[in-house]
Protein backbone atom coordinates (compact mmCIF):
# COMPACT_ATOMS: atom_id res chain seq x y z
CA UNK A 1 8.32 20.74 -18.66
CA UNK A 2 10.52 23.66 -17.60
CA UNK A 3 8.62 26.82 -17.32
CA UNK A 4 10.78 30.04 -17.16
CA UNK A 5 9.61 33.39 -15.91
CA UNK A 6 9.57 35.47 -12.64
CA UNK A 7 5.92 36.38 -13.41
CA UNK A 8 5.07 32.71 -12.74
CA UNK A 9 6.76 32.78 -9.32
CA UNK A 10 5.42 36.08 -7.98
CA UNK A 11 1.75 35.33 -8.85
CA UNK A 12 1.56 37.84 -11.72
CA UNK A 13 0.81 35.09 -14.31
CA UNK A 14 -1.05 31.85 -13.90
CA UNK A 15 0.85 28.90 -15.52
CA UNK A 16 -1.82 27.93 -17.98
CA UNK A 17 0.81 26.55 -20.41
CA UNK A 18 1.49 23.69 -18.04
CA UNK A 19 -2.23 22.97 -17.72
CA UNK A 20 -2.64 22.96 -21.42
CA UNK A 21 0.39 20.80 -22.18
CA UNK A 22 -0.50 18.31 -19.49
CA UNK A 23 -4.08 18.08 -20.73
CA UNK A 24 -2.85 17.74 -24.39
CA UNK A 25 -0.50 14.99 -23.60
CA UNK A 26 -2.95 13.05 -21.52
CA UNK A 27 -5.43 13.09 -24.39
CA UNK A 28 -2.66 11.66 -26.61
CA UNK A 29 -2.06 8.74 -24.21
CA UNK A 30 1.16 10.17 -22.74
CA UNK A 31 1.74 12.18 -19.56
CA UNK A 32 3.50 15.20 -18.29
CA UNK A 33 5.64 13.78 -15.58
CA UNK A 34 6.99 16.87 -13.93
CA UNK A 35 6.78 20.74 -14.12
CA UNK A 36 9.60 22.90 -12.87
CA UNK A 37 9.42 26.68 -12.61
CA UNK A 38 12.43 28.90 -12.46
CA UNK A 39 13.29 32.56 -12.53
CA UNK A 40 14.61 34.49 -15.59
CA UNK A 41 18.24 33.65 -14.59
CA UNK A 42 20.81 31.84 -16.67
CA UNK A 43 22.29 29.99 -13.74
CA UNK A 44 18.81 28.84 -12.51
CA UNK A 45 17.73 27.68 -15.96
CA UNK A 46 20.99 25.83 -16.73
CA UNK A 47 20.90 24.10 -13.18
CA UNK A 48 17.27 23.18 -13.69
CA UNK A 49 18.05 21.63 -16.99
CA UNK A 50 21.00 19.65 -15.54
CA UNK A 51 18.60 18.16 -12.97
CA UNK A 52 15.88 17.41 -15.42
CA UNK A 53 18.37 15.77 -17.83
CA UNK A 54 19.72 13.46 -14.97
CA UNK A 55 16.16 11.95 -14.78
CA UNK A 56 16.31 11.02 -18.44
CA UNK A 57 12.96 12.11 -19.76
CA UNK A 58 12.17 11.38 -23.41
CA UNK A 59 10.97 14.81 -24.21
CA UNK A 60 11.54 18.20 -22.46
CA UNK A 61 9.57 21.23 -23.27
CA UNK A 62 10.92 24.53 -22.09
CA UNK A 63 8.40 27.39 -22.16
CA UNK A 64 9.08 31.05 -21.85
CA UNK A 65 12.02 33.48 -22.27
CA UNK A 66 12.47 33.50 -26.06
CA UNK A 67 11.55 37.23 -26.55
CA UNK A 68 13.64 40.32 -27.35
CA UNK A 69 13.89 41.78 -23.82
CA UNK A 70 16.93 41.44 -21.54
CA UNK A 71 15.19 39.13 -19.13
CA UNK A 72 14.50 36.62 -21.92
CA UNK A 73 17.51 34.33 -21.12
CA UNK A 74 16.22 30.81 -21.83
CA UNK A 75 18.30 30.07 -24.90
CA UNK A 76 21.51 31.29 -23.21
CA UNK A 77 20.61 29.07 -20.26
CA UNK A 78 20.20 26.09 -22.62
CA UNK A 79 23.45 26.81 -24.28
CA UNK A 80 25.30 27.03 -20.95
CA UNK A 81 23.83 23.64 -19.89
CA UNK A 82 24.98 22.07 -23.18
CA UNK A 83 28.35 23.97 -23.15
CA UNK A 84 27.85 25.36 -26.63
CA UNK A 85 27.70 28.98 -27.83
CA UNK A 86 24.63 30.86 -29.12
CA UNK A 87 24.82 31.85 -32.71
CA UNK A 88 22.75 33.77 -35.15
CA UNK A 89 20.69 31.12 -36.95
CA UNK A 90 19.98 32.09 -40.59
CA UNK A 91 16.83 30.05 -40.63
CA UNK A 92 15.48 31.64 -37.46
CA UNK A 93 16.36 35.11 -38.86
CA UNK A 94 14.49 34.34 -42.05
CA UNK A 95 11.39 33.35 -40.09
CA UNK A 96 11.61 36.71 -38.16
CA UNK A 97 11.88 38.60 -41.43
CA UNK A 98 8.97 36.74 -43.05
CA UNK A 99 6.80 37.35 -39.88
CA UNK A 100 7.28 41.15 -40.28
CA UNK A 101 6.84 41.04 -44.01
CA UNK A 102 3.61 39.06 -43.61
CA UNK A 103 2.30 41.90 -41.50
CA UNK A 104 3.25 44.64 -43.87
CA UNK A 105 6.24 45.55 -41.85
CA UNK A 106 9.01 44.42 -44.29
CA UNK A 107 10.79 47.66 -43.98
CA UNK A 108 11.09 47.32 -40.19
CA UNK A 109 14.77 47.59 -39.08
CA UNK A 110 16.14 44.47 -37.53
CA UNK A 111 17.51 45.95 -34.26
CA UNK A 112 19.75 44.05 -31.92
CA UNK A 113 16.69 43.21 -29.75
CA UNK A 114 14.95 41.62 -32.73
CA UNK A 115 18.08 39.85 -33.98
CA UNK A 116 18.43 38.37 -30.48
CA UNK A 117 15.41 36.14 -31.16
CA UNK A 118 17.47 34.48 -33.88
CA UNK A 119 20.37 33.70 -31.55
CA UNK A 120 20.07 29.95 -30.94
CA UNK A 121 22.27 27.37 -29.24
CA UNK A 122 24.62 25.78 -31.74
CA UNK A 123 23.31 22.56 -33.20
CA UNK A 124 19.69 23.46 -32.65
CA UNK A 125 17.12 24.24 -35.44
CA UNK A 126 14.31 26.81 -35.45
CA UNK A 127 10.56 25.85 -35.42
CA UNK A 128 8.08 28.08 -37.26
CA UNK A 129 5.88 30.36 -35.16
CA UNK A 130 2.73 30.85 -37.21
CA UNK A 131 1.32 33.51 -34.94
CA UNK A 132 4.30 35.32 -33.41
CA UNK A 133 7.81 36.59 -33.94
CA UNK A 134 10.20 34.39 -31.93
CA UNK A 135 10.71 31.00 -33.47
CA UNK A 136 10.57 27.90 -31.36
CA UNK A 137 13.71 25.82 -30.99
CA UNK A 138 14.37 21.99 -31.32
CA UNK A 139 17.56 20.32 -30.30
CA UNK A 140 18.69 16.88 -29.79
CA UNK A 141 20.43 16.28 -26.40
CA UNK A 142 21.48 12.65 -26.49
CA UNK A 143 18.48 10.41 -25.71
CA UNK A 144 16.36 13.53 -24.98
CA UNK A 145 14.56 15.82 -27.38
CA UNK A 146 14.33 19.38 -26.11
CA UNK A 147 11.89 21.96 -27.47
CA UNK A 148 11.94 25.64 -26.41
CA UNK A 149 8.69 27.55 -26.99
CA UNK A 150 7.54 31.15 -26.38
CA UNK A 151 5.60 31.73 -23.23
CA UNK A 152 2.64 33.57 -24.89
CA UNK A 153 0.00 30.82 -24.82
CA UNK A 154 -1.37 31.20 -28.36
CA UNK A 155 2.19 31.02 -29.75
CA UNK A 156 3.16 28.03 -27.53
CA UNK A 157 0.00 26.04 -28.49
CA UNK A 158 0.47 26.66 -32.21
CA UNK A 159 4.17 25.53 -32.23
CA UNK A 160 3.29 22.55 -30.03
CA UNK A 161 0.51 21.32 -32.25
CA UNK A 162 2.45 21.77 -35.48
CA UNK A 163 5.99 20.80 -34.51
CA UNK A 164 6.12 18.78 -31.29
CA UNK A 165 2.84 16.79 -31.28
CA UNK A 166 3.62 14.81 -34.47
CA UNK A 167 6.90 13.65 -32.92
CA UNK A 168 5.37 12.69 -29.65
CA UNK A 169 2.50 10.81 -31.32
CA UNK A 170 5.01 8.94 -33.41
CA UNK A 171 7.14 8.03 -30.37
CA UNK A 172 4.19 6.67 -28.29
CA UNK A 173 2.37 5.00 -31.18
CA UNK A 174 -1.34 4.78 -31.59
CA UNK A 175 -2.88 4.90 -28.26
CA UNK A 176 -6.58 4.96 -27.19
CA UNK A 177 -7.94 6.71 -24.14
CA UNK A 178 -11.21 6.21 -22.32
CA UNK A 179 -12.06 9.10 -19.93
CA UNK A 180 -15.11 9.13 -17.72
CA UNK A 181 -16.13 11.58 -14.96
CA UNK A 182 -18.84 10.64 -12.53
CA UNK A 183 -20.53 13.12 -10.18
CA UNK A 184 -21.19 11.47 -6.86
CA UNK A 185 -23.57 12.82 -4.15
CA UNK A 186 -24.21 11.62 -0.67
CA UNK A 187 -20.84 10.02 -0.06
CA UNK A 188 -17.73 11.41 1.63
CA UNK A 189 -14.30 11.07 0.07
CA UNK A 190 -12.98 9.35 3.17
CA UNK A 191 -15.73 6.70 2.74
CA UNK A 192 -14.92 6.36 -0.90
CA UNK A 193 -11.14 5.85 -0.39
CA UNK A 194 -11.11 2.16 0.29
CA UNK A 195 -13.25 1.53 -2.86
CA UNK A 196 -10.76 3.58 -4.96
CA UNK A 197 -7.87 1.59 -3.49
CA UNK A 198 -9.54 -1.74 -4.33
CA UNK A 199 -10.37 -0.54 -7.85
CA UNK A 200 -6.76 0.55 -8.44
CA UNK A 201 -5.58 -2.81 -7.24
CA UNK A 202 -7.85 -4.63 -9.80
CA UNK A 203 -6.98 -2.17 -12.60
CA UNK A 204 -3.30 -1.20 -11.85
CA UNK A 205 -2.87 0.75 -15.11
CA UNK A 206 -5.93 3.01 -14.64
CA UNK A 207 -6.16 6.50 -13.27
CA UNK A 208 -8.84 6.88 -10.64
CA UNK A 209 -8.97 10.16 -8.78
CA UNK A 210 -11.58 11.83 -6.60
CA UNK A 211 -12.10 15.58 -6.48
CA UNK A 212 -14.29 16.94 -3.58
CA UNK A 213 -16.59 19.74 -4.59
CA UNK A 214 -17.90 20.76 -1.23
CA UNK A 215 -21.19 20.23 0.58
CA UNK A 216 -24.48 21.59 -0.78
CA UNK A 217 -27.50 21.55 1.42
CA UNK A 218 -25.80 18.92 3.67
CA UNK A 219 -25.00 16.65 0.79
CA UNK A 220 -21.42 15.76 -0.09
CA UNK A 221 -20.42 16.49 -3.71
CA UNK A 222 -17.49 14.57 -5.44
CA UNK A 223 -16.32 14.27 -9.05
CA UNK A 224 -14.62 11.07 -9.82
CA UNK A 225 -12.19 10.89 -12.79
CA UNK A 226 -11.51 7.56 -14.50
CA UNK A 227 -8.94 7.26 -17.29
CA UNK A 228 -7.62 4.13 -19.05
CA UNK A 229 -5.10 4.18 -21.79
CA UNK A 230 -4.29 1.22 -24.03
CA UNK A 231 -3.27 0.11 -27.54
CA UNK A 232 -6.58 -1.58 -28.23
CA UNK A 233 -9.63 0.55 -28.42
CA UNK A 234 -12.37 -1.94 -27.40
CA UNK A 235 -10.24 -3.32 -24.47
CA UNK A 236 -9.54 0.22 -23.39
CA UNK A 237 -13.11 1.35 -23.57
CA UNK A 238 -14.46 -1.77 -21.91
CA UNK A 239 -12.03 -1.49 -18.96
CA UNK A 240 -13.07 2.17 -18.52
CA UNK A 241 -16.75 1.32 -18.52
CA UNK A 242 -16.12 -1.64 -16.12
CA UNK A 243 -14.38 0.65 -13.57
CA UNK A 244 -17.19 3.17 -13.80
CA UNK A 245 -19.82 0.55 -13.19
CA UNK A 246 -17.79 -0.96 -10.26
CA UNK A 247 -17.50 2.49 -8.55
CA UNK A 248 -21.07 3.52 -9.25
CA UNK A 249 -22.20 0.20 -7.62
CA UNK A 250 -20.04 1.00 -4.50
CA UNK A 251 -21.49 4.51 -4.19
CA UNK A 252 -25.09 3.43 -4.60
CA UNK A 253 -24.61 0.58 -2.06
CA UNK A 254 -23.48 3.20 0.34
CA UNK A 255 -26.66 5.28 -0.17
CA UNK A 256 -25.16 7.77 -2.65
CA UNK A 257 -26.18 8.78 -6.15
CA UNK A 258 -24.17 8.77 -9.34
CA UNK A 259 -24.51 10.85 -12.53
CA UNK A 260 -22.18 10.72 -15.49
CA UNK A 261 -20.80 14.08 -16.61
CA UNK A 262 -19.82 15.05 -20.23
CA UNK A 263 -16.11 15.27 -20.90
CA UNK A 264 -15.05 18.61 -22.35
CA UNK A 265 -13.06 18.43 -25.60
CA UNK A 266 -9.81 20.25 -26.51
């Protein structure tokens, strides 16, 4: 993921989009491998894209910088990286017109700032934005599919669900995921570390991660995440439960207590 926006770098805006995309992909059985954040600068955007492309990801999601204001430079940065011009895209312009018409603003004049949102890199296609004005963008860059989405979270999420998620799901196939969170009390993370290392050795494809939650009334608090992804539902669920049982046994033998937490949906 490439996140574009000075507001992310100066502490004005929290990058909740990266959090949401990472969580969404993980629940699909995939993973967000890297998040890069850059300023609203054509040179910075194009340089970041060159670096990302060199690592050959299957999918790249670029978020932010698709709006009408002068600092929205993402698509120009993408075009510079690809060595292509930006052109007015009739499909994108039609989406913008329909957006205004749907909201009773059909007579609104398409100013240069509004037309700017229809200027896409040559060879790309617009993606419908059901809840906002600026269309998303999809383009094929060799072995990598690139999606550009608005930075407004509700717009980003809507386009991601409708236009990106189906392609990602098709690429990774049907995957099953077992996710368990254990709340551990009375054991310190440094004491737990060897048990985690042993569990990872026994289950090399699993994700096992401890999250310290401080000390309450002299008792250490830890949340332990366990995640297993696989093509077979039963095998995936069984392995997740087996890891949870192994870790719980280690904690209890050390004098700690274990409680299973519910996993939030979404």
